[in-house]
Amino acid sequence: MRRRRNMTGLVLAASLSAVPLLGAAAAPDGPGTPAFGRRLAKEACSECHIVAPDQEDEGKWPAPNLMDRMRNPAITEMALRSYLQTSHPIMPNIRLSPEQTDDIVAYLLTFKEATR
C-alpha cells in the first residue's frame, strides 16, 4: 500500500512538472516576441508614430516614423529599452511593464534586421 502511494505521488509529480512545458509549446508568442510587440505598438504608439508597414494613417508631426528610425545605427536595443522606460515631455506618459518593453523592442528590432 505504501509503495503504491509513493508510485502515485511520483507519477503525479512527473506529470505536473510537464505542465509548464506544454503551456510554453502551446503559446507561440510570449514576452519579447515581435508579434506581441506589434500589437502593443499599434495600441500604444500608432496614434502619433508610424509603427507598421500596413498602417493607414500618417501619424502626427513631429512624431517620427519608427520603422525609419530603426535604420539609425545609434539606436541599439539598450537605447530602445532606455527610451521606452523614460518619460518624455512631448509624449504621453505610457507606462510599460518590462515584458511589454521586451515585446516592443523585439518588434522594432525586426526593422533594423530588415535593413541589413
N, C-alpha and C. Protein backbone atom coordinates (compact mmCIF):
# COMPACT_ATOMS: atom_id res chain seq x y z
N MET A 1 0.82 -1.19 0.00
CA MET A 1 0.00 0.00 0.00
C MET A 1 0.87 1.26 0.00
N ARG A 2 1.87 1.25 0.86
CA ARG A 2 2.75 2.40 0.95
C ARG A 2 3.50 2.60 -0.37
N ARG A 3 3.93 1.51 -0.96
CA ARG A 3 4.65 1.59 -2.23
C ARG A 3 3.75 2.17 -3.32
N ARG A 4 2.47 1.80 -3.31
CA ARG A 4 1.53 2.31 -4.31
C ARG A 4 1.36 3.82 -4.17
N ARG A 5 1.27 4.34 -2.92
CA ARG A 5 1.16 5.78 -2.70
C ARG A 5 2.40 6.51 -3.21
N ASN A 6 3.56 5.95 -2.94
CA ASN A 6 4.80 6.57 -3.41
C ASN A 6 4.84 6.62 -4.93
N MET A 7 4.41 5.53 -5.57
CA MET A 7 4.40 5.48 -7.02
C MET A 7 3.38 6.49 -7.58
N THR A 8 2.21 6.58 -6.96
CA THR A 8 1.20 7.54 -7.39
C THR A 8 1.72 8.97 -7.26
N GLY A 9 2.38 9.26 -6.15
CA GLY A 9 2.96 10.58 -5.95
C GLY A 9 4.02 10.90 -6.99
N LEU A 10 4.83 9.90 -7.32
CA LEU A 10 5.89 10.09 -8.31
C LEU A 10 5.29 10.37 -9.69
N VAL A 11 4.27 9.60 -10.07
CA VAL A 11 3.61 9.80 -11.36
C VAL A 11 2.95 11.18 -11.41
N LEU A 12 2.29 11.57 -10.33
CA LEU A 12 1.64 12.88 -10.27
C LEU A 12 2.66 14.00 -10.39
N ALA A 13 3.76 13.89 -9.67
CA ALA A 13 4.80 14.92 -9.72
C ALA A 13 5.40 15.01 -11.12
N ALA A 14 5.63 13.88 -11.74
CA ALA A 14 6.21 13.89 -13.09
C ALA A 14 5.25 14.52 -14.09
N SER A 15 3.96 14.22 -13.96
CA SER A 15 3.00 14.79 -14.91
C SER A 15 2.83 16.29 -14.70
N LEU A 16 2.84 16.74 -13.45
CA LEU A 16 2.70 18.18 -13.18
C LEU A 16 3.93 18.95 -13.62
N SER A 17 5.09 18.34 -13.57
CA SER A 17 6.29 19.05 -13.98
C SER A 17 6.30 19.32 -15.48
N ALA A 18 5.53 18.58 -16.25
CA ALA A 18 5.46 18.79 -17.69
C ALA A 18 4.47 19.87 -18.07
N VAL A 19 3.59 20.29 -17.17
CA VAL A 19 2.57 21.29 -17.49
C VAL A 19 3.17 22.59 -17.99
N PRO A 20 4.18 23.17 -17.34
CA PRO A 20 4.74 24.41 -17.88
C PRO A 20 5.30 24.24 -19.28
N LEU A 21 5.86 23.09 -19.58
CA LEU A 21 6.41 22.85 -20.91
C LEU A 21 5.30 22.81 -21.95
N LEU A 22 4.18 22.19 -21.61
CA LEU A 22 3.06 22.16 -22.54
C LEU A 22 2.50 23.54 -22.79
N GLY A 23 2.39 24.34 -21.74
CA GLY A 23 1.90 25.70 -21.90
C GLY A 23 2.81 26.53 -22.78
N ALA A 24 4.11 26.36 -22.61
CA ALA A 24 5.07 27.11 -23.42
C ALA A 24 4.99 26.70 -24.88
N ALA A 25 4.80 25.41 -25.12
CA ALA A 25 4.73 24.94 -26.50
C ALA A 25 3.43 25.38 -27.16
N ALA A 26 2.37 25.50 -26.39
CA ALA A 26 1.07 25.85 -26.96
C ALA A 26 0.97 27.33 -27.29
N ALA A 27 1.73 28.16 -26.63
CA ALA A 27 1.67 29.60 -26.87
C ALA A 27 2.80 30.02 -27.80
N PRO A 28 2.51 30.35 -29.06
CA PRO A 28 3.57 30.71 -29.99
C PRO A 28 4.23 32.04 -29.64
N ASP A 29 3.50 32.90 -28.97
CA ASP A 29 4.04 34.20 -28.60
C ASP A 29 4.26 34.24 -27.10
N GLY A 30 5.22 35.01 -26.68
CA GLY A 30 5.47 35.21 -25.27
C GLY A 30 6.18 36.53 -25.10
N PRO A 31 6.56 36.86 -23.90
CA PRO A 31 7.29 38.12 -23.70
C PRO A 31 8.53 38.18 -24.59
N GLY A 32 8.76 39.33 -25.16
CA GLY A 32 9.92 39.51 -26.03
C GLY A 32 9.68 39.03 -27.44
N THR A 33 8.45 38.87 -27.85
CA THR A 33 8.18 38.42 -29.20
C THR A 33 7.68 39.57 -30.07
N PRO A 34 8.11 39.60 -31.31
CA PRO A 34 7.69 40.67 -32.21
C PRO A 34 6.17 40.74 -32.42
N ALA A 35 5.48 39.60 -32.41
CA ALA A 35 4.02 39.63 -32.64
C ALA A 35 3.31 40.40 -31.54
N PHE A 36 3.68 40.15 -30.29
CA PHE A 36 3.09 40.92 -29.20
C PHE A 36 3.52 42.38 -29.30
N GLY A 37 4.78 42.62 -29.64
CA GLY A 37 5.28 43.98 -29.75
C GLY A 37 4.55 44.77 -30.82
N ARG A 38 4.24 44.12 -31.92
CA ARG A 38 3.49 44.80 -32.99
C ARG A 38 2.12 45.24 -32.48
N ARG A 39 1.43 44.33 -31.78
CA ARG A 39 0.11 44.68 -31.25
C ARG A 39 0.21 45.82 -30.25
N LEU A 40 1.20 45.75 -29.36
CA LEU A 40 1.36 46.81 -28.36
C LEU A 40 1.70 48.14 -29.02
N ALA A 41 2.60 48.12 -30.00
CA ALA A 41 2.99 49.36 -30.68
C ALA A 41 1.79 49.97 -31.40
N LYS A 42 0.98 49.13 -32.02
CA LYS A 42 -0.22 49.65 -32.69
C LYS A 42 -1.18 50.27 -31.69
N GLU A 43 -1.32 49.65 -30.52
CA GLU A 43 -2.24 50.18 -29.50
C GLU A 43 -1.69 51.43 -28.83
N ALA A 44 -0.41 51.44 -28.49
CA ALA A 44 0.14 52.50 -27.65
C ALA A 44 0.83 53.61 -28.43
N CYS A 45 1.31 53.34 -29.63
CA CYS A 45 2.18 54.32 -30.31
C CYS A 45 1.64 54.83 -31.64
N SER A 46 0.72 54.08 -32.26
CA SER A 46 0.35 54.41 -33.64
C SER A 46 -0.52 55.65 -33.78
N GLU A 47 -1.02 56.17 -32.69
CA GLU A 47 -1.79 57.41 -32.80
C GLU A 47 -0.88 58.54 -33.29
N CYS A 48 0.39 58.47 -32.92
CA CYS A 48 1.34 59.52 -33.32
C CYS A 48 2.42 59.01 -34.28
N HIS A 49 2.88 57.78 -34.09
CA HIS A 49 4.00 57.24 -34.87
C HIS A 49 3.52 56.25 -35.93
N ILE A 50 4.30 56.15 -37.00
CA ILE A 50 4.11 55.06 -37.95
C ILE A 50 4.86 53.87 -37.35
N VAL A 51 4.14 52.77 -37.10
CA VAL A 51 4.75 51.63 -36.43
C VAL A 51 4.64 50.33 -37.23
N ALA A 52 3.94 50.37 -38.37
CA ALA A 52 3.76 49.15 -39.15
C ALA A 52 3.62 49.50 -40.62
N PRO A 53 4.12 48.62 -41.49
CA PRO A 53 4.03 48.89 -42.93
C PRO A 53 2.59 49.03 -43.42
N ASP A 54 1.65 48.37 -42.77
CA ASP A 54 0.26 48.42 -43.22
C ASP A 54 -0.56 49.51 -42.52
N GLN A 55 0.11 50.38 -41.79
CA GLN A 55 -0.60 51.45 -41.08
C GLN A 55 -1.15 52.46 -42.09
N GLU A 56 -2.42 52.77 -41.98
CA GLU A 56 -3.06 53.61 -42.98
C GLU A 56 -2.89 55.10 -42.74
N ASP A 57 -2.92 55.53 -41.48
CA ASP A 57 -2.75 56.97 -41.24
C ASP A 57 -1.26 57.32 -41.25
N GLU A 58 -0.97 58.59 -41.22
CA GLU A 58 0.41 59.04 -41.35
C GLU A 58 1.05 59.44 -40.04
N GLY A 59 0.39 59.21 -38.93
CA GLY A 59 0.95 59.65 -37.66
C GLY A 59 0.81 61.15 -37.50
N LYS A 60 1.39 61.69 -36.46
CA LYS A 60 1.31 63.12 -36.20
C LYS A 60 2.71 63.71 -36.18
N TRP A 61 2.86 64.83 -36.85
CA TRP A 61 4.13 65.54 -36.80
C TRP A 61 4.29 66.12 -35.41
N PRO A 62 5.42 66.12 -34.79
CA PRO A 62 6.75 65.72 -35.25
C PRO A 62 7.14 64.30 -34.86
N ALA A 63 6.17 63.45 -34.56
CA ALA A 63 6.49 62.08 -34.15
C ALA A 63 7.12 61.33 -35.32
N PRO A 64 8.30 60.75 -35.10
CA PRO A 64 9.00 60.09 -36.21
C PRO A 64 8.36 58.75 -36.59
N ASN A 65 8.61 58.36 -37.82
CA ASN A 65 8.26 57.03 -38.31
C ASN A 65 9.24 56.06 -37.64
N LEU A 66 8.74 55.18 -36.78
CA LEU A 66 9.63 54.32 -36.01
C LEU A 66 10.33 53.28 -36.87
N MET A 67 9.72 52.87 -37.96
CA MET A 67 10.39 51.92 -38.86
C MET A 67 11.61 52.59 -39.49
N ASP A 68 11.46 53.85 -39.91
CA ASP A 68 12.59 54.58 -40.49
C ASP A 68 13.67 54.85 -39.46
N ARG A 69 13.26 55.16 -38.22
CA ARG A 69 14.24 55.45 -37.17
C ARG A 69 15.15 54.26 -36.89
N MET A 70 14.65 53.07 -37.11
CA MET A 70 15.44 51.87 -36.82
C MET A 70 16.62 51.72 -37.78
N ARG A 71 16.64 52.48 -38.85
CA ARG A 71 17.80 52.46 -39.76
C ARG A 71 19.02 53.14 -39.17
N ASN A 72 18.81 53.95 -38.15
CA ASN A 72 19.90 54.66 -37.49
C ASN A 72 20.72 53.67 -36.66
N PRO A 73 22.03 53.51 -36.97
CA PRO A 73 22.84 52.54 -36.24
C PRO A 73 23.01 52.90 -34.76
N ALA A 74 22.78 54.15 -34.39
CA ALA A 74 22.92 54.55 -32.99
C ALA A 74 21.77 54.03 -32.12
N ILE A 75 20.69 53.63 -32.76
CA ILE A 75 19.55 53.11 -32.00
C ILE A 75 19.78 51.62 -31.76
N THR A 76 20.21 51.32 -30.56
CA THR A 76 20.52 49.95 -30.17
C THR A 76 19.38 49.39 -29.31
N GLU A 77 19.47 48.12 -29.01
CA GLU A 77 18.48 47.52 -28.12
C GLU A 77 18.46 48.22 -26.77
N MET A 78 19.64 48.51 -26.23
CA MET A 78 19.72 49.18 -24.94
C MET A 78 19.13 50.59 -25.02
N ALA A 79 19.40 51.30 -26.11
CA ALA A 79 18.86 52.65 -26.27
C ALA A 79 17.33 52.61 -26.35
N LEU A 80 16.79 51.63 -27.07
CA LEU A 80 15.33 51.49 -27.16
C LEU A 80 14.72 51.23 -25.79
N ARG A 81 15.32 50.32 -25.05
CA ARG A 81 14.80 50.00 -23.71
C ARG A 81 14.79 51.24 -22.82
N SER A 82 15.89 51.96 -22.85
CA SER A 82 16.00 53.17 -22.04
C SER A 82 14.94 54.19 -22.44
N TYR A 83 14.78 54.39 -23.73
CA TYR A 83 13.82 55.36 -24.24
C TYR A 83 12.40 54.98 -23.84
N LEU A 84 12.06 53.71 -23.98
CA LEU A 84 10.70 53.26 -23.67
C LEU A 84 10.38 53.31 -22.18
N GLN A 85 11.39 53.28 -21.34
CA GLN A 85 11.18 53.29 -19.89
C GLN A 85 11.30 54.69 -19.29
N THR A 86 11.55 55.71 -20.13
CA THR A 86 11.73 57.08 -19.66
C THR A 86 10.58 57.94 -20.17
N SER A 87 10.07 58.83 -19.33
CA SER A 87 9.02 59.73 -19.80
C SER A 87 9.65 60.86 -20.62
N HIS A 88 8.87 61.41 -21.53
CA HIS A 88 9.33 62.48 -22.42
C HIS A 88 8.29 63.59 -22.43
N PRO A 89 8.75 64.85 -22.43
CA PRO A 89 7.82 65.98 -22.29
C PRO A 89 6.74 66.06 -23.37
N ILE A 90 7.04 65.72 -24.61
CA ILE A 90 6.03 65.89 -25.66
C ILE A 90 5.26 64.61 -25.97
N MET A 91 5.49 63.56 -25.18
CA MET A 91 4.79 62.29 -25.39
C MET A 91 3.89 61.98 -24.21
N PRO A 92 2.83 61.21 -24.46
CA PRO A 92 2.03 60.74 -23.32
C PRO A 92 2.91 59.87 -22.43
N ASN A 93 2.64 59.88 -21.15
CA ASN A 93 3.43 59.09 -20.21
C ASN A 93 2.87 57.67 -20.17
N ILE A 94 3.25 56.86 -21.14
CA ILE A 94 2.79 55.48 -21.22
C ILE A 94 3.72 54.63 -20.37
N ARG A 95 3.15 53.95 -19.41
CA ARG A 95 3.94 53.10 -18.53
C ARG A 95 3.89 51.67 -19.07
N LEU A 96 5.05 51.17 -19.44
CA LEU A 96 5.16 49.81 -19.96
C LEU A 96 5.77 48.90 -18.91
N SER A 97 5.26 47.70 -18.82
CA SER A 97 5.88 46.71 -17.95
C SER A 97 7.18 46.25 -18.61
N PRO A 98 8.06 45.60 -17.88
CA PRO A 98 9.28 45.07 -18.50
C PRO A 98 8.95 44.11 -19.65
N GLU A 99 7.90 43.31 -19.50
CA GLU A 99 7.52 42.37 -20.56
C GLU A 99 7.03 43.11 -21.80
N GLN A 100 6.24 44.17 -21.60
CA GLN A 100 5.76 44.96 -22.73
C GLN A 100 6.94 45.65 -23.43
N THR A 101 7.88 46.14 -22.65
CA THR A 101 9.08 46.74 -23.23
C THR A 101 9.83 45.71 -24.06
N ASP A 102 10.00 44.50 -23.54
CA ASP A 102 10.66 43.42 -24.29
C ASP A 102 9.96 43.18 -25.62
N ASP A 103 8.64 43.14 -25.59
CA ASP A 103 7.87 42.88 -26.80
C ASP A 103 8.04 43.98 -27.84
N ILE A 104 7.91 45.23 -27.42
CA ILE A 104 8.03 46.34 -28.37
C ILE A 104 9.45 46.42 -28.92
N VAL A 105 10.44 46.22 -28.08
CA VAL A 105 11.84 46.23 -28.54
C VAL A 105 12.05 45.11 -29.56
N ALA A 106 11.55 43.91 -29.27
CA ALA A 106 11.69 42.79 -30.21
C ALA A 106 11.05 43.13 -31.55
N TYR A 107 9.89 43.78 -31.52
CA TYR A 107 9.22 44.16 -32.76
C TYR A 107 10.02 45.21 -33.53
N LEU A 108 10.43 46.27 -32.85
CA LEU A 108 11.16 47.33 -33.54
C LEU A 108 12.49 46.84 -34.09
N LEU A 109 13.13 45.92 -33.41
CA LEU A 109 14.41 45.39 -33.90
C LEU A 109 14.24 44.59 -35.19
N THR A 110 13.03 44.13 -35.49
CA THR A 110 12.83 43.43 -36.77
C THR A 110 13.04 44.39 -37.94
N PHE A 111 12.80 45.67 -37.75
CA PHE A 111 13.03 46.65 -38.82
C PHE A 111 14.52 46.91 -38.99
N LYS A 112 15.27 46.85 -37.92
CA LYS A 112 16.71 47.02 -38.01
C LYS A 112 17.31 45.84 -38.77
N GLU A 113 16.84 44.63 -38.49
CA GLU A 113 17.32 43.44 -39.18
C GLU A 113 16.97 43.48 -40.66
N ALA A 114 15.83 44.04 -40.99
CA ALA A 114 15.38 44.10 -42.38
C ALA A 114 16.24 45.05 -43.22
N THR A 115 16.94 45.98 -42.58
CA THR A 115 17.75 46.94 -43.32
C THR A 115 19.17 46.45 -43.55
N ARG A 116 19.53 45.32 -42.98
CA ARG A 116 20.91 44.81 -43.15
C ARG A 116 21.10 44.19 -44.49
